[in-house]
Every structure is written in C-alpha cells, then in structure tokens.
PDB file of N, CA and C in Angstrom:
ATOM      1  N   MET A   1      95.465 118.821 120.592  1.00  0.00           N
ATOM      2  CA  MET A   1      96.230 119.154 119.472  1.00  0.00           C
ATOM      3  C   MET A   1      95.866 120.294 118.719  1.00  0.00           C
ATOM      4  N   ASN A   2      96.528 120.127 118.243  1.00  0.00           N
ATOM      5  CA  ASN A   2      96.426 121.687 117.135  1.00  0.00           C
ATOM      6  C   ASN A   2      96.148 120.622 115.704  1.00  0.00           C
ATOM      7  N   PHE A   3      94.935 120.497 114.659  1.00  0.00           N
ATOM      8  CA  PHE A   3      95.556 119.733 113.025  1.00  0.00           C
ATOM      9  C   PHE A   3      94.804 120.228 112.216  1.00  0.00           C
ATOM     10  N   PRO A   4      94.969 121.655 111.819  1.00  0.00           N
ATOM     11  CA  PRO A   4      94.188 122.835 111.134  1.00  0.00           C
ATOM     12  C   PRO A   4      94.414 122.019 109.834  1.00  0.00           C
ATOM     13  N   THR A   5      93.057 122.388 108.867  1.00  0.00           N
ATOM     14  CA  THR A   5      92.528 121.935 107.537  1.00  0.00           C
ATOM     15  C   THR A   5      93.586 122.112 106.240  1.00  0.00           C
ATOM     16  N   ASN A   6      93.382 123.321 106.354  1.00  0.00           N
ATOM     17  CA  ASN A   6      94.208 124.845 105.625  1.00  0.00           C
ATOM     18  C   ASN A   6      95.449 124.003 105.319  1.00  0.00           C
ATOM     19  N   VAL A   7      96.281 123.380 106.073  1.00  0.00           N
ATOM     20  CA  VAL A   7      98.207 123.274 106.043  1.00  0.00           C
ATOM     21  C   VAL A   7      97.972 121.578 105.204  1.00  0.00           C
ATOM     22  N   LYS A   8      99.083 121.572 104.889  1.00  0.00           N
ATOM     23  CA  LYS A   8      99.439 120.475 103.980  1.00  0.00           C
ATOM     24  C   LYS A   8     100.502 119.914 105.106  1.00  0.00           C
ATOM     25  N   TYR A   9     100.814 117.961 105.256  1.00  0.00           N
ATOM     26  CA  TYR A   9     101.383 117.977 105.857  1.00  0.00           C
ATOM     27  C   TYR A   9     102.445 116.722 105.348  1.00  0.00           C
ATOM     28  N   THR A  10     104.079 116.905 106.111  1.00  0.00           N
ATOM     29  CA  THR A  10     104.305 115.409 105.614  1.00  0.00           C
ATOM     30  C   THR A  10     105.109 114.594 107.122  1.00  0.00           C
ATOM     31  N   ASN A  11     105.484 113.598 106.298  1.00  0.00           N
ATOM     32  CA  ASN A  11     106.365 112.426 107.421  1.00  0.00           C
ATOM     33  C   ASN A  11     107.069 112.884 108.225  1.00  0.00           C
ATOM     34  N   GLU A  12     107.852 113.834 108.267  1.00  0.00           N
ATOM     35  CA  GLU A  12     108.647 114.489 108.956  1.00  0.00           C
ATOM     36  C   GLU A  12     108.115 115.710 109.665  1.00  0.00           C
ATOM     37  N   HIS A  13     106.810 116.375 109.950  1.00  0.00           N
ATOM     38  CA  HIS A  13     105.851 116.466 111.243  1.00  0.00           C
ATOM     39  C   HIS A  13     106.364 118.145 110.738  1.00  0.00           C
ATOM     40  N   GLU A  14     106.541 118.530 109.270  1.00  0.00           N
ATOM     41  CA  GLU A  14     106.418 119.303 109.045  1.00  0.00           C
ATOM     42  C   GLU A  14     104.935 120.212 108.270  1.00  0.00           C
ATOM     43  N   TRP A  15     104.902 121.171 108.349  1.00  0.00           N
ATOM     44  CA  TRP A  15     103.497 121.681 108.054  1.00  0.00           C
ATOM     45  C   TRP A  15     103.740 122.597 106.617  1.00  0.00           C
ATOM     46  N   ILE A  16     103.004 122.977 105.748  1.00  0.00           N
ATOM     47  CA  ILE A  16     103.167 124.242 104.109  1.00  0.00           C
ATOM     48  C   ILE A  16     101.709 124.219 103.776  1.00  0.00           C
ATOM     49  N   ARG A  17     101.179 126.186 104.181  1.00  0.00           N
ATOM     50  CA  ARG A  17     100.206 126.778 103.751  1.00  0.00           C
ATOM     51  C   ARG A  17     100.127 127.418 101.772  1.00  0.00           C
ATOM     52  N   LEU A  18      99.858 127.431 101.684  1.00  0.00           N
ATOM     53  CA  LEU A  18      99.788 127.631 100.624  1.00  0.00           C
ATOM     54  C   LEU A  18      99.532 129.288 100.329  1.00  0.00           C
ATOM     55  N   GLU A  19      99.746 130.500 100.229  1.00  0.00           N
ATOM     56  CA  GLU A  19      98.630 131.515 100.208  1.00  0.00           C
ATOM     57  C   GLU A  19      98.861 132.469  98.930  1.00  0.00           C
ATOM     58  N   GLY A  20      98.979 132.333  97.688  1.00  0.00           N
ATOM     59  CA  GLY A  20      98.662 132.942  96.497  1.00  0.00           C
ATOM     60  C   GLY A  20     100.184 131.674  95.923  1.00  0.00           C
ATOM     61  N   ASP A  21     101.303 132.915  95.476  1.00  0.00           N
ATOM     62  CA  ASP A  21     102.266 132.378  94.873  1.00  0.00           C
ATOM     63  C   ASP A  21     103.233 131.739  95.763  1.00  0.00           C
ATOM     64  N   GLU A  22     103.076 132.041  97.013  1.00  0.00           N
ATOM     65  CA  GLU A  22     103.760 132.140  98.071  1.00  0.00           C
ATOM     66  C   GLU A  22     103.597 130.881  98.883  1.00  0.00           C
ATOM     67  N   ALA A  23     104.012 130.390 100.250  1.00  0.00           N
ATOM     68  CA  ALA A  23     104.103 129.632 101.164  1.00  0.00           C
ATOM     69  C   ALA A  23     104.681 129.298 102.152  1.00  0.00           C
ATOM     70  N   TYR A  24     103.930 129.106 103.564  1.00  0.00           N
ATOM     71  CA  TYR A  24     104.488 129.512 104.349  1.00  0.00           C
ATOM     72  C   TYR A  24     104.821 127.560 104.881  1.00  0.00           C
ATOM     73  N   VAL A  25     106.167 127.697 105.999  1.00  0.00           N
ATOM     74  CA  VAL A  25     106.109 126.238 105.893  1.00  0.00           C
ATOM     75  C   VAL A  25     106.575 126.302 107.884  1.00  0.00           C
ATOM     76  N   GLY A  26     106.034 125.809 108.664  1.00  0.00           N
ATOM     77  CA  GLY A  26     106.784 125.189 109.570  1.00  0.00           C
ATOM     78  C   GLY A  26     106.783 123.823 110.235  1.00  0.00           C
ATOM     79  N   ILE A  27     106.633 123.601 111.466  1.00  0.00           N
ATOM     80  CA  ILE A  27     106.889 122.279 112.120  1.00  0.00           C
ATOM     81  C   ILE A  27     105.113 122.439 113.366  1.00  0.00           C
ATOM     82  N   THR A  28     104.810 121.314 112.962  1.00  0.00           N
ATOM     83  CA  THR A  28     103.140 120.805 113.580  1.00  0.00           C
ATOM     84  C   THR A  28     103.271 120.963 115.184  1.00  0.00           C
ATOM     85  N   ASP A  29     101.724 121.046 115.699  1.00  0.00           N
ATOM     86  CA  ASP A  29     101.871 120.713 117.067  1.00  0.00           C
ATOM     87  C   ASP A  29     102.436 119.640 117.523  1.00  0.00           C
ATOM     88  N   TYR A  30     101.979 118.406 116.960  1.00  0.00           N
ATOM     89  CA  TYR A  30     102.761 117.393 117.388  1.00  0.00           C
ATOM     90  C   TYR A  30     104.494 117.073 117.506  1.00  0.00           C
ATOM     91  N   ALA A  31     105.182 117.943 116.238  1.00  0.00           N
ATOM     92  CA  ALA A  31     106.788 118.243 116.488  1.00  0.00           C
ATOM     93  C   ALA A  31     106.729 118.771 117.730  1.00  0.00           C
ATOM     94  N   GLN A  32     106.567 120.489 117.301  1.00  0.00           N
ATOM     95  CA  GLN A  32     106.486 120.947 118.731  1.00  0.00           C
ATOM     96  C   GLN A  32     106.717 120.287 120.213  1.00  0.00           C
ATOM     97  N   GLU A  33     105.499 119.761 120.337  1.00  0.00           N
ATOM     98  CA  GLU A  33     105.451 119.024 121.836  1.00  0.00           C
ATOM     99  C   GLU A  33     106.390 118.137 121.833  1.00  0.00           C
ATOM    100  N   GLN A  34     106.609 117.009 120.753  1.00  0.00           N
ATOM    101  CA  GLN A  34     107.541 115.842 120.982  1.00  0.00           C
ATOM    102  C   GLN A  34     108.943 116.678 121.090  1.00  0.00           C
ATOM    103  N   LEU A  35     110.105 117.559 120.692  1.00  0.00           N
ATOM    104  CA  LEU A  35     111.095 118.199 121.207  1.00  0.00           C
ATOM    105  C   LEU A  35     110.327 118.970 122.408  1.00  0.00           C
ATOM    106  N   GLY A  36     109.689 119.497 122.706  1.00  0.00           N
ATOM    107  CA  GLY A  36     109.462 120.566 124.028  1.00  0.00           C
ATOM    108  C   GLY A  36     110.263 121.462 124.098  1.00  0.00           C
ATOM    109  N   ASP A  37     110.683 122.516 124.765  1.00  0.00           N
ATOM    110  CA  ASP A  37     110.321 124.170 124.729  1.00  0.00           C
ATOM    111  C   ASP A  37     112.695 124.296 123.664  1.00  0.00           C
ATOM    112  N   ILE A  38     111.722 125.203 122.316  1.00  0.00           N
ATOM    113  CA  ILE A  38     112.574 125.227 121.739  1.00  0.00           C
ATOM    114  C   ILE A  38     113.347 126.441 121.577  1.00  0.00           C
ATOM    115  N   VAL A  39     114.576 126.602 121.913  1.00  0.00           N
ATOM    116  CA  VAL A  39     115.488 128.506 122.003  1.00  0.00           C
ATOM    117  C   VAL A  39     116.176 128.268 121.159  1.00  0.00           C
ATOM    118  N   PHE A  40     116.369 127.655 120.128  1.00  0.00           N
ATOM    119  CA  PHE A  40     116.958 128.408 118.219  1.00  0.00           C
ATOM    120  C   PHE A  40     116.094 127.455 117.093  1.00  0.00           C
ATOM    121  N   VAL A  41     116.282 128.625 116.240  1.00  0.00           N
ATOM    122  CA  VAL A  41     115.876 128.190 115.179  1.00  0.00           C
ATOM    123  C   VAL A  41     116.945 128.850 114.061  1.00  0.00           C
ATOM    124  N   ASP A  42     117.952 128.142 113.194  1.00  0.00           N
ATOM    125  CA  ASP A  42     118.871 128.218 112.129  1.00  0.00           C
ATOM    126  C   ASP A  42     118.203 127.600 110.777  1.00  0.00           C
ATOM    127  N   VAL A  43     118.363 129.220 110.540  1.00  0.00           N
ATOM    128  CA  VAL A  43     117.398 128.921 108.923  1.00  0.00           C
ATOM    129  C   VAL A  43     119.200 129.872 108.085  1.00  0.00           C
ATOM    130  N   THR A  44     119.897 129.012 107.752  1.00  0.00           N
ATOM    131  CA  THR A  44     120.545 129.706 106.456  1.00  0.00           C
ATOM    132  C   THR A  44     120.596 129.301 104.858  1.00  0.00           C
ATOM    133  N   THR A  45     119.642 129.406 104.621  1.00  0.00           N
ATOM    134  CA  THR A  45     119.486 129.030 103.027  1.00  0.00           C
ATOM    135  C   THR A  45     118.167 129.937 102.540  1.00  0.00           C
ATOM    136  N   GLU A  46     117.892 131.216 103.214  1.00  0.00           N
ATOM    137  CA  GLU A  46     117.191 132.408 102.924  1.00  0.00           C
ATOM    138  C   GLU A  46     118.012 132.470 101.067  1.00  0.00           C
ATOM    139  N   GLY A  47     116.988 132.294  99.789  1.00  0.00           N
ATOM    140  CA  GLY A  47     117.089 132.886  98.613  1.00  0.00           C
ATOM    141  C   GLY A  47     117.472 131.978  97.706  1.00  0.00           C
ATOM    142  N   GLU A  48     118.215 131.014  98.481  1.00  0.00           N
ATOM    143  CA  GLU A  48     118.375 129.477  98.200  1.00  0.00           C
ATOM    144  C   GLU A  48     117.251 128.944  97.015  1.00  0.00           C
ATOM    145  N   THR A  49     116.545 128.057  96.501  1.00  0.00           N
ATOM    146  CA  THR A  49     116.242 127.108  95.732  1.00  0.00           C
ATOM    147  C   THR A  49     116.884 125.826  96.518  1.00  0.00           C
ATOM    148  N   LEU A  50     115.529 125.039  96.630  1.00  0.00           N
ATOM    149  CA  LEU A  50     116.109 123.567  96.990  1.00  0.00           C
ATOM    150  C   LEU A  50     115.263 122.794  96.518  1.00  0.00           C
ATOM    151  N   GLU A  51     114.931 121.463  96.359  1.00  0.00           N
ATOM    152  CA  GLU A  51     114.131 120.350  96.228  1.00  0.00           C
ATOM    153  C   GLU A  51     113.508 119.856  97.357  1.00  0.00           C
ATOM    154  N   LYS A  52     112.209 119.011  96.954  1.00  0.00           N
ATOM    155  CA  LYS A  52     111.786 118.970  97.879  1.00  0.00           C
ATOM    156  C   LYS A  52     112.458 117.706  98.792  1.00  0.00           C
ATOM    157  N   GLY A  53     112.214 118.006 100.168  1.00  0.00           N
ATOM    158  CA  GLY A  53     113.299 117.260 100.738  1.00  0.00           C
ATOM    159  C   GLY A  53     114.292 117.188 101.728  1.00  0.00           C
ATOM    160  N   GLU A  54     114.768 118.535 101.198  1.00  0.00           N
ATOM    161  CA  GLU A  54     116.065 118.738 101.117  1.00  0.00           C
ATOM    162  C   GLU A  54     116.570 119.811 102.526  1.00  0.00           C
ATOM    163  N   VAL A  55     117.040 119.708 103.532  1.00  0.00           N
ATOM    164  CA  VAL A  55     116.967 120.397 104.510  1.00  0.00           C
ATOM    165  C   VAL A  55     117.352 121.920 104.385  1.00  0.00           C
ATOM    166  N   PHE A  56     116.661 122.933 105.042  1.00  0.00           N
ATOM    167  CA  PHE A  56     116.228 123.672 105.452  1.00  0.00           C
ATOM    168  C   PHE A  56     116.510 124.156 106.282  1.00  0.00           C
ATOM    169  N   GLY A  57     117.243 124.183 107.279  1.00  0.00           N
ATOM    170  CA  GLY A  57     116.887 124.521 108.191  1.00  0.00           C
ATOM    171  C   GLY A  57     117.101 123.495 109.918  1.00  0.00           C
ATOM    172  N   THR A  58     117.922 123.792 110.882  1.00  0.00           N
ATOM    173  CA  THR A  58     117.714 123.001 112.377  1.00  0.00           C
ATOM    174  C   THR A  58     116.945 123.648 112.845  1.00  0.00           C
ATOM    175  N   ILE A  59     116.550 123.350 114.341  1.00  0.00           N
ATOM    176  CA  ILE A  59     115.246 123.353 115.048  1.00  0.00           C
ATOM    177  C   ILE A  59     116.274 122.932 116.561  1.00  0.00           C
ATOM    178  N   GLU A  60     116.618 124.171 117.285  1.00  0.00           N
ATOM    179  CA  GLU A  60     117.589 123.850 119.037  1.00  0.00           C
ATOM    180  C   GLU A  60     116.246 123.725 119.799  1.00  0.00           C
ATOM    181  N   VAL A  61     116.579 122.403 120.851  1.00  0.00           N
ATOM    182  CA  VAL A  61     115.611 122.673 122.071  1.00  0.00           C
ATOM    183  C   VAL A  61     117.021 122.658 123.208  1.00  0.00           C
ATOM    184  N   VAL A  62     116.656 122.049 124.325  1.00  0.00           N
ATOM    185  CA  VAL A  62     117.660 122.111 124.842  1.00  0.00           C
ATOM    186  C   VAL A  62     118.479 120.592 124.790  1.00  0.00           C
ATOM    187  N   LYS A  63     117.939 119.983 124.726  1.00  0.00           N
ATOM    188  CA  LYS A  63     118.978 118.545 124.098  1.00  0.00           C
ATOM    189  C   LYS A  63     118.994 117.553 123.050  1.00  0.00           C
ATOM    190  N   THR A  64     118.958 118.439 121.890  1.00  0.00           N
ATOM    191  CA  THR A  64     118.458 117.647 120.774  1.00  0.00           C
ATOM    192  C   THR A  64     119.349 119.320 119.605  1.00  0.00           C
ATOM    193  N   VAL A  65     119.304 118.836 117.882  1.00  0.00           N
ATOM    194  CA  VAL A  65     119.510 119.867 117.491  1.00  0.00           C
ATOM    195  C   VAL A  65     118.445 118.861 116.056  1.00  0.00           C
ATOM    196  N   SER A  66     117.429 118.967 115.724  1.00  0.00           N
ATOM    197  CA  SER A  66     116.568 118.809 114.730  1.00  0.00           C
ATOM    198  C   SER A  66     117.060 119.285 113.645  1.00  0.00           C
ATOM    199  N   ASP A  67     117.070 118.179 112.231  1.00  0.00           N
ATOM    200  CA  ASP A  67     117.043 118.993 111.065  1.00  0.00           C
ATOM    201  C   ASP A  67     115.251 119.710 110.118  1.00  0.00           C
ATOM    202  N   LEU A  68     115.533 120.596 109.537  1.00  0.00           N
ATOM    203  CA  LEU A  68     114.145 120.850 108.781  1.00  0.00           C
ATOM    204  C   LEU A  68     113.899 120.356 107.100  1.00  0.00           C
ATOM    205  N   PHE A  69     113.151 119.818 107.165  1.00  0.00           N
ATOM    206  CA  PHE A  69     112.896 119.234 105.720  1.00  0.00           C
ATOM    207  C   PHE A  69     111.773 120.009 104.586  1.00  0.00           C
ATOM    208  N   LEU A  70     112.043 120.845 103.467  1.00  0.00           N
ATOM    209  CA  LEU A  70     111.504 121.023 103.058  1.00  0.00           C
ATOM    210  C   LEU A  70     110.113 120.821 102.145  1.00  0.00           C
ATOM    211  N   PRO A  71     108.636 120.815 102.375  1.00  0.00           N
ATOM    212  CA  PRO A  71     107.527 120.062 102.315  1.00  0.00           C
ATOM    213  C   PRO A  71     107.576 119.724 100.484  1.00  0.00           C
ATOM    214  N   ILE A  72     108.224 121.149  99.763  1.00  0.00           N
ATOM    215  CA  ILE A  72     108.052 120.561  98.595  1.00  0.00           C
ATOM    216  C   ILE A  72     109.273 122.207  98.250  1.00  0.00           C
ATOM    217  N   GLY A  73     109.435 121.663  96.645  1.00  0.00           N
ATOM    218  CA  GLY A  73     110.571 122.716  96.887  1.00  0.00           C
ATOM    219  C   GLY A  73     110.008 124.040  96.410  1.00  0.00           C
ATOM    220  N   GLY A  74     111.315 124.696  96.394  1.00  0.00           N
ATOM    221  CA  GLY A  74     110.997 126.097  95.985  1.00  0.00           C
ATOM    222  C   GLY A  74     112.577 127.103  96.587  1.00  0.00           C
ATOM    223  N   GLU A  75     112.145 128.236  96.366  1.00  0.00           N
ATOM    224  CA  GLU A  75     112.847 129.318  96.752  1.00  0.00           C
ATOM    225  C   GLU A  75     112.449 129.727  97.783  1.00  0.00           C
ATOM    226  N   VAL A  76     113.358 129.524  99.049  1.00  0.00           N
ATOM    227  CA  VAL A  76     113.845 130.377 100.922  1.00  0.00           C
ATOM    228  C   VAL A  76     113.214 131.750 100.126  1.00  0.00           C
ATOM    229  N   LEU A  77     111.916 132.116 100.412  1.00  0.00           N
ATOM    230  CA  LEU A  77     112.156 134.034 100.579  1.00  0.00           C
ATOM    231  C   LEU A  77     112.242 134.413 101.386  1.00  0.00           C
ATOM    232  N   GLU A  78     112.250 133.383 102.852  1.00  0.00           N
ATOM    233  CA  GLU A  78     112.169 134.628 104.285  1.00  0.00           C
ATOM    234  C   GLU A  78     111.909 133.842 105.312  1.00  0.00           C
ATOM    235  N   ILE A  79     112.770 133.872 106.303  1.00  0.00           N
ATOM    236  CA  ILE A  79     112.755 133.652 107.370  1.00  0.00           C
ATOM    237  C   ILE A  79     112.088 134.164 108.645  1.00  0.00           C
ATOM    238  N   ASN A  80     111.367 133.538 109.469  1.00  0.00           N
ATOM    239  CA  ASN A  80     110.411 134.441 110.415  1.00  0.00           C
ATOM    240  C   ASN A  80     110.881 135.550 110.960  1.00  0.00           C
ATOM    241  N   PRO A  81     110.979 136.876 110.918  1.00  0.00           N
ATOM    242  CA  PRO A  81     112.215 136.884 111.781  1.00  0.00           C
ATOM    243  C   PRO A  81     111.865 137.124 113.743  1.00  0.00           C
ATOM    244  N   GLU A  82     110.828 137.265 113.356  1.00  0.00           N
ATOM    245  CA  GLU A  82     110.223 137.244 114.770  1.00  0.00           C
ATOM    246  C   GLU A  82     110.681 136.023 115.864  1.00  0.00           C
ATOM    247  N   LEU A  83     111.706 134.768 115.180  1.00  0.00           N
ATOM    248  CA  LEU A  83     111.863 133.531 116.009  1.00  0.00           C
ATOM    249  C   LEU A  83     113.283 134.172 116.364  1.00  0.00           C
ATOM    250  N   GLU A  84     114.368 134.884 115.641  1.00  0.00           N
ATOM    251  CA  GLU A  84     115.739 134.951 116.660  1.00  0.00           C
ATOM    252  C   GLU A  84     115.419 135.728 117.866  1.00  0.00           C
ATOM    253  N   GLU A  85     114.396 136.413 118.223  1.00  0.00           N
ATOM    254  CA  GLU A  85     114.195 136.678 119.597  1.00  0.00           C
ATOM    255  C   GLU A  85     113.495 136.128 120.334  1.00  0.00           C
ATOM    256  N   HIS A  86     112.232 135.247 119.564  1.00  0.00           N
ATOM    257  CA  HIS A  86     111.695 134.676 119.797  1.00  0.00           C
ATOM    258  C   HIS A  86     111.066 133.332 119.635  1.00  0.00           C
ATOM    259  N   PRO A  87     112.123 132.542 120.263  1.00  0.00           N
ATOM    260  CA  PRO A  87     112.108 131.105 119.207  1.00  0.00           C
ATOM    261  C   PRO A  87     110.739 130.467 119.685  1.00  0.00           C
ATOM    262  N   GLU A  88     110.732 130.773 120.950  1.00  0.00           N
ATOM    263  CA  GLU A  88     109.270 129.955 121.682  1.00  0.00           C
ATOM    264  C   GLU A  88     108.439 130.151 121.112  1.00  0.00           C
ATOM    265  N   LEU A  89     108.304 131.118 120.354  1.00  0.00           N
ATOM    266  CA  LEU A  89     106.673 131.347 118.948  1.00  0.00           C
ATOM    267  C   LEU A  89     106.423 130.022 118.563  1.00  0.00           C
ATOM    268  N   VAL A  90     107.411 129.176 118.039  1.00  0.00           N
ATOM    269  CA  VAL A  90     107.108 127.579 117.525  1.00  0.00           C
ATOM    270  C   VAL A  90     106.024 126.768 118.234  1.00  0.00           C
ATOM    271  N   ASN A  91     106.805 127.179 119.271  1.00  0.00           N
ATOM    272  CA  ASN A  91     105.640 126.600 120.816  1.00  0.00           C
ATOM    273  C   ASN A  91     104.391 126.877 121.004  1.00  0.00           C
ATOM    274  N   LYS A  92     104.284 128.363 121.186  1.00  0.00           N
ATOM    275  CA  LYS A  92     103.385 128.572 122.069  1.00  0.00           C
ATOM    276  C   LYS A  92     102.033 128.819 119.569  1.00  0.00           C
ATOM    277  N   ASP A  93     102.849 128.599 119.272  1.00  0.00           N
ATOM    278  CA  ASP A  93     101.041 128.946 117.743  1.00  0.00           C
ATOM    279  C   ASP A  93     102.406 128.166 116.515  1.00  0.00           C
ATOM    280  N   PRO A  94     102.174 127.334 116.517  1.00  0.00           N
ATOM    281  CA  PRO A  94     102.457 126.675 115.487  1.00  0.00           C
ATOM    282  C   PRO A  94     102.793 127.098 114.018  1.00  0.00           C
ATOM    283  N   TYR A  95     101.555 126.880 114.127  1.00  0.00           N
ATOM    284  CA  TYR A  95     100.842 127.264 112.471  1.00  0.00           C
ATOM    285  C   TYR A  95     100.014 128.530 112.628  1.00  0.00           C
ATOM    286  N   GLY A  96     100.687 129.461 113.287  1.00  0.00           N
ATOM    287  CA  GLY A  96     100.621 130.779 112.950  1.00  0.00           C
ATOM    288  C   GLY A  96     102.110 132.249 113.124  1.00  0.00           C
ATOM    289  N   ASP A  97     101.895 132.398 114.536  1.00  0.00           N
ATOM    290  CA  ASP A  97     102.826 133.708 114.423  1.00  0.00           C
ATOM    291  C   ASP A  97     104.015 132.467 114.442  1.00  0.00           C
ATOM    292  N   GLY A  98     104.212 131.194 114.877  1.00  0.00           N
ATOM    293  CA  GLY A  98     105.400 130.376 115.304  1.00  0.00           C
ATOM    294  C   GLY A  98     105.929 129.392 113.857  1.00  0.00           C
ATOM    295  N   TRP A  99     105.146 130.659 112.467  1.00  0.00           N
ATOM    296  CA  TRP A  99     105.623 129.920 110.952  1.00  0.00           C
ATOM    297  C   TRP A  99     107.243 130.006 110.764  1.00  0.00           C
ATOM    298  N   LEU A 100     108.243 129.000 109.676  1.00  0.00           N
ATOM    299  CA  LEU A 100     109.616 128.946 110.506  1.00  0.00           C
ATOM    300  C   LEU A 100     110.328 130.015 109.381  1.00  0.00           C
ATOM    301  N   ILE A 101     109.568 129.154 107.665  1.00  0.00           N
ATOM    302  CA  ILE A 101     109.925 130.059 106.060  1.00  0.00           C
ATOM    303  C   ILE A 101     108.721 130.603 105.389  1.00  0.00           C
ATOM    304  N   LYS A 102     109.047 131.266 104.274  1.00  0.00           N
ATOM    305  CA  LYS A 102     107.665 131.655 103.945  1.00  0.00           C
ATOM    306  C   LYS A 102     109.227 131.677 102.070  1.00  0.00           C
ATOM    307  N   ILE A 103     108.288 130.081 101.610  1.00  0.00           N
ATOM    308  CA  ILE A 103     109.305 129.699 100.087  1.00  0.00           C
ATOM    309  C   ILE A 103     108.425 130.266  98.911  1.00  0.00           C
ATOM    310  N   LYS A 104     108.776 130.776  97.695  1.00  0.00           N
ATOM    311  CA  LYS A 104     107.907 130.692  96.129  1.00  0.00           C
ATOM    312  C   LYS A 104     108.492 129.529  95.521  1.00  0.00           C
ATOM    313  N   PRO A 105     107.014 128.274  96.007  1.00  0.00           N
ATOM    314  CA  PRO A 105     107.407 127.391  95.594  1.00  0.00           C
ATOM    315  C   PRO A 105     107.296 127.407  94.169  1.00  0.00           C
ATOM    316  N   THR A 106     108.227 125.939  93.533  1.00  0.00           N
ATOM    317  CA  THR A 106     108.876 125.756  92.054  1.00  0.00           C
ATOM    318  C   THR A 106     107.534 124.777  91.578  1.00  0.00           C
ATOM    319  N   ASP A 107     107.055 123.675  91.835  1.00  0.00           N
ATOM    320  CA  ASP A 107     105.605 122.961  91.095  1.00  0.00           C
ATOM    321  C   ASP A 107     104.853 123.192  92.700  1.00  0.00           C
ATOM    322  N   THR A 108     103.341 124.226  92.624  1.00  0.00           N
ATOM    323  CA  THR A 108     102.908 123.467  93.942  1.00  0.00           C
ATOM    324  C   THR A 108     102.049 121.827  93.549  1.00  0.00           C
ATOM    325  N   THR A 109     102.168 121.172  92.517  1.00  0.00           N
ATOM    326  CA  THR A 109     101.663 120.061  92.036  1.00  0.00           C
ATOM    327  C   THR A 109     102.183 119.577  93.353  1.00  0.00           C
ATOM    328  N   GLU A 110     103.242 119.376  94.136  1.00  0.00           N
ATOM    329  CA  GLU A 110     104.254 118.246  94.775  1.00  0.00           C
ATOM    330  C   GLU A 110     103.202 118.675  96.337  1.00  0.00           C
ATOM    331  N   MET A 111     102.324 119.014  96.616  1.00  0.00           N
ATOM    332  CA  MET A 111     101.573 119.375  97.479  1.00  0.00           C
ATOM    333  C   MET A 111     100.492 118.268  97.428  1.00  0.00           C
ATOM    334  N   ASP A 112     100.404 117.796  96.684  1.00  0.00           N
ATOM    335  CA  ASP A 112      99.209 116.678  96.351  1.00  0.00           C
ATOM    336  C   ASP A 112      99.740 115.241  96.887  1.00  0.00           C
ATOM    337  N   GLU A 113     101.258 115.429  96.987  1.00  0.00           N
ATOM    338  CA  GLU A 113     101.626 114.135  97.520  1.00  0.00           C
ATOM    339  C   GLU A 113     102.090 114.311  99.091  1.00  0.00           C
ATOM    340  N   LEU A 114     101.548 115.534  99.890  1.00  0.00           N
ATOM    341  CA  LEU A 114     101.715 115.766 101.163  1.00  0.00           C
ATOM    342  C   LEU A 114     100.205 114.988 101.474  1.00  0.00           C
ATOM    343  N   LEU A 115     100.334 115.226 102.871  1.00  0.00           N
ATOM    344  CA  LEU A 115      98.782 114.554 104.149  1.00  0.00           C
ATOM    345  C   LEU A 115      98.750 115.670 104.241  1.00  0.00           C
ATOM    346  N   ASP A 116      96.692 115.242 103.984  1.00  0.00           N
ATOM    347  CA  ASP A 116      95.786 116.202 104.612  1.00  0.00           C
ATOM    348  C   ASP A 116      95.729 115.433 106.632  1.00  0.00           C
ATOM    349  N   ALA A 117      95.051 116.626 107.171  1.00  0.00           N
ATOM    350  CA  ALA A 117      95.164 116.416 108.297  1.00  0.00           C
ATOM    351  C   ALA A 117      94.997 115.256 108.887  1.00  0.00           C
ATOM    352  N   GLU A 118      93.747 114.311 108.529  1.00  0.00           N
ATOM    353  CA  GLU A 118      93.541 113.303 108.961  1.00  0.00           C
ATOM    354  C   GLU A 118      94.354 112.621 108.700  1.00  0.00           C
ATOM    355  N   ALA A 119      94.630 112.496 107.640  1.00  0.00           N
ATOM    356  CA  ALA A 119      95.797 111.045 107.242  1.00  0.00           C
ATOM    357  C   ALA A 119      96.959 111.201 108.063  1.00  0.00           C
ATOM    358  N   TYR A 120      97.633 112.645 108.007  1.00  0.00           N
ATOM    359  CA  TYR A 120      98.696 113.334 109.229  1.00  0.00           C
ATOM    360  C   TYR A 120      98.473 112.250 110.492  1.00  0.00           C
ATOM    361  N   LYS A 121      97.049 112.783 110.933  1.00  0.00           N
ATOM    362  CA  LYS A 121      96.340 111.648 112.661  1.00  0.00           C
ATOM    363  C   LYS A 121      96.839 110.433 112.428  1.00  0.00           C
ATOM    364  N   GLN A 122      96.725 109.869 111.177  1.00  0.00           N
ATOM    365  CA  GLN A 122      96.620 108.425 111.891  1.00  0.00           C
ATOM    366  C   GLN A 122      98.335 107.882 111.397  1.00  0.00           C
ATOM    367  N   ILE A 123      99.767 108.989 110.988  1.00  0.00           N
ATOM    368  CA  ILE A 123     100.329 108.558 110.940  1.00  0.00           C
ATOM    369  C   ILE A 123     100.863 108.692 112.554  1.00  0.00           C
ATOM    370  N   ILE A 124     100.691 109.877 112.927  1.00  0.00           N
ATOM    371  CA  ILE A 124     101.321 109.920 114.482  1.00  0.00           C
ATOM    372  C   ILE A 124     100.268 109.142 115.828  1.00  0.00           C
ATOM    373  N   ASN A 125      99.382 108.789 115.346  1.00  0.00           N
ATOM    374  CA  ASN A 125      98.144 107.677 115.757  1.00  0.00           C
ATOM    375  C   ASN A 125      97.464 108.431 116.831  1.00  0.00           C
ATOM    376  N   GLU A 126      96.505 109.672 116.208  1.00  0.00           N
ATOM    377  CA  GLU A 126      96.468 110.131 116.903  1.00  0.00           C
ATOM    378  C   GLU A 126      94.646 109.960 117.064  1.00  0.00           C
TER     379      GLU A 126
END
C-alpha cells in the first residue's frame, strides 16, 4: 500500500496536496482498496465554496455509494475531467491521475490539523 509523504490525510480517508495556491484532493490507496472497483465519481459542487468536512461529492462502487469529504475549506475549482470516462483511474493511481477535485483553499493553516503519512498508517493499523 502506498503512503506518499507529500500529502496530508484525513480520518475519512481523503488526501490533499497543496501546489501553490491550489490543492488537489483524492481518496487514499487504502480507501480505494477497501471500496473495490470504482464505477462512478459524482461531484456537483464545482464553483462552490465549502467548509472543511463538508460533502463535496460521492464515489460509487458496484455495491455502495460513499460520501466524499473536503479535507479543508475552499472553492471547488475543477473536477478531474478524466474520471467521467475512466473512474478506474482512482483505483489505478489514487495519488496521481486519479485525483478527484482541485480546490482554492480558504485557509491553508487547516492543513496543520490533518494527518501525515505515519499518523495515517496508525489510523488504519498498517
């Protein structure tokens, strides 16, 4: 299982990577493995500004639908356009091509409250 150190993690199994004044958000390798084959990603919050912890969309697998929670507050700038045709990218490359959304954070200091790779491993008992 992959635990990049250049991202921060949430207890709800999302990750966030800050790049300049924007950030990429996705689900962790652990989450995609637990969910199984992802068949659809539904994000209807593009253009909206959400608070930390708010639901920004859902992810659908064969047997269930799971909510996606924003790791920090911000405006949803973009949904990964590749996921409409290829939702399996989330399974294949959750920290790269399988990113879910790009946001403009309202307060990057909220990232200080998130988990680093070692703390996340402890949460999932790796």
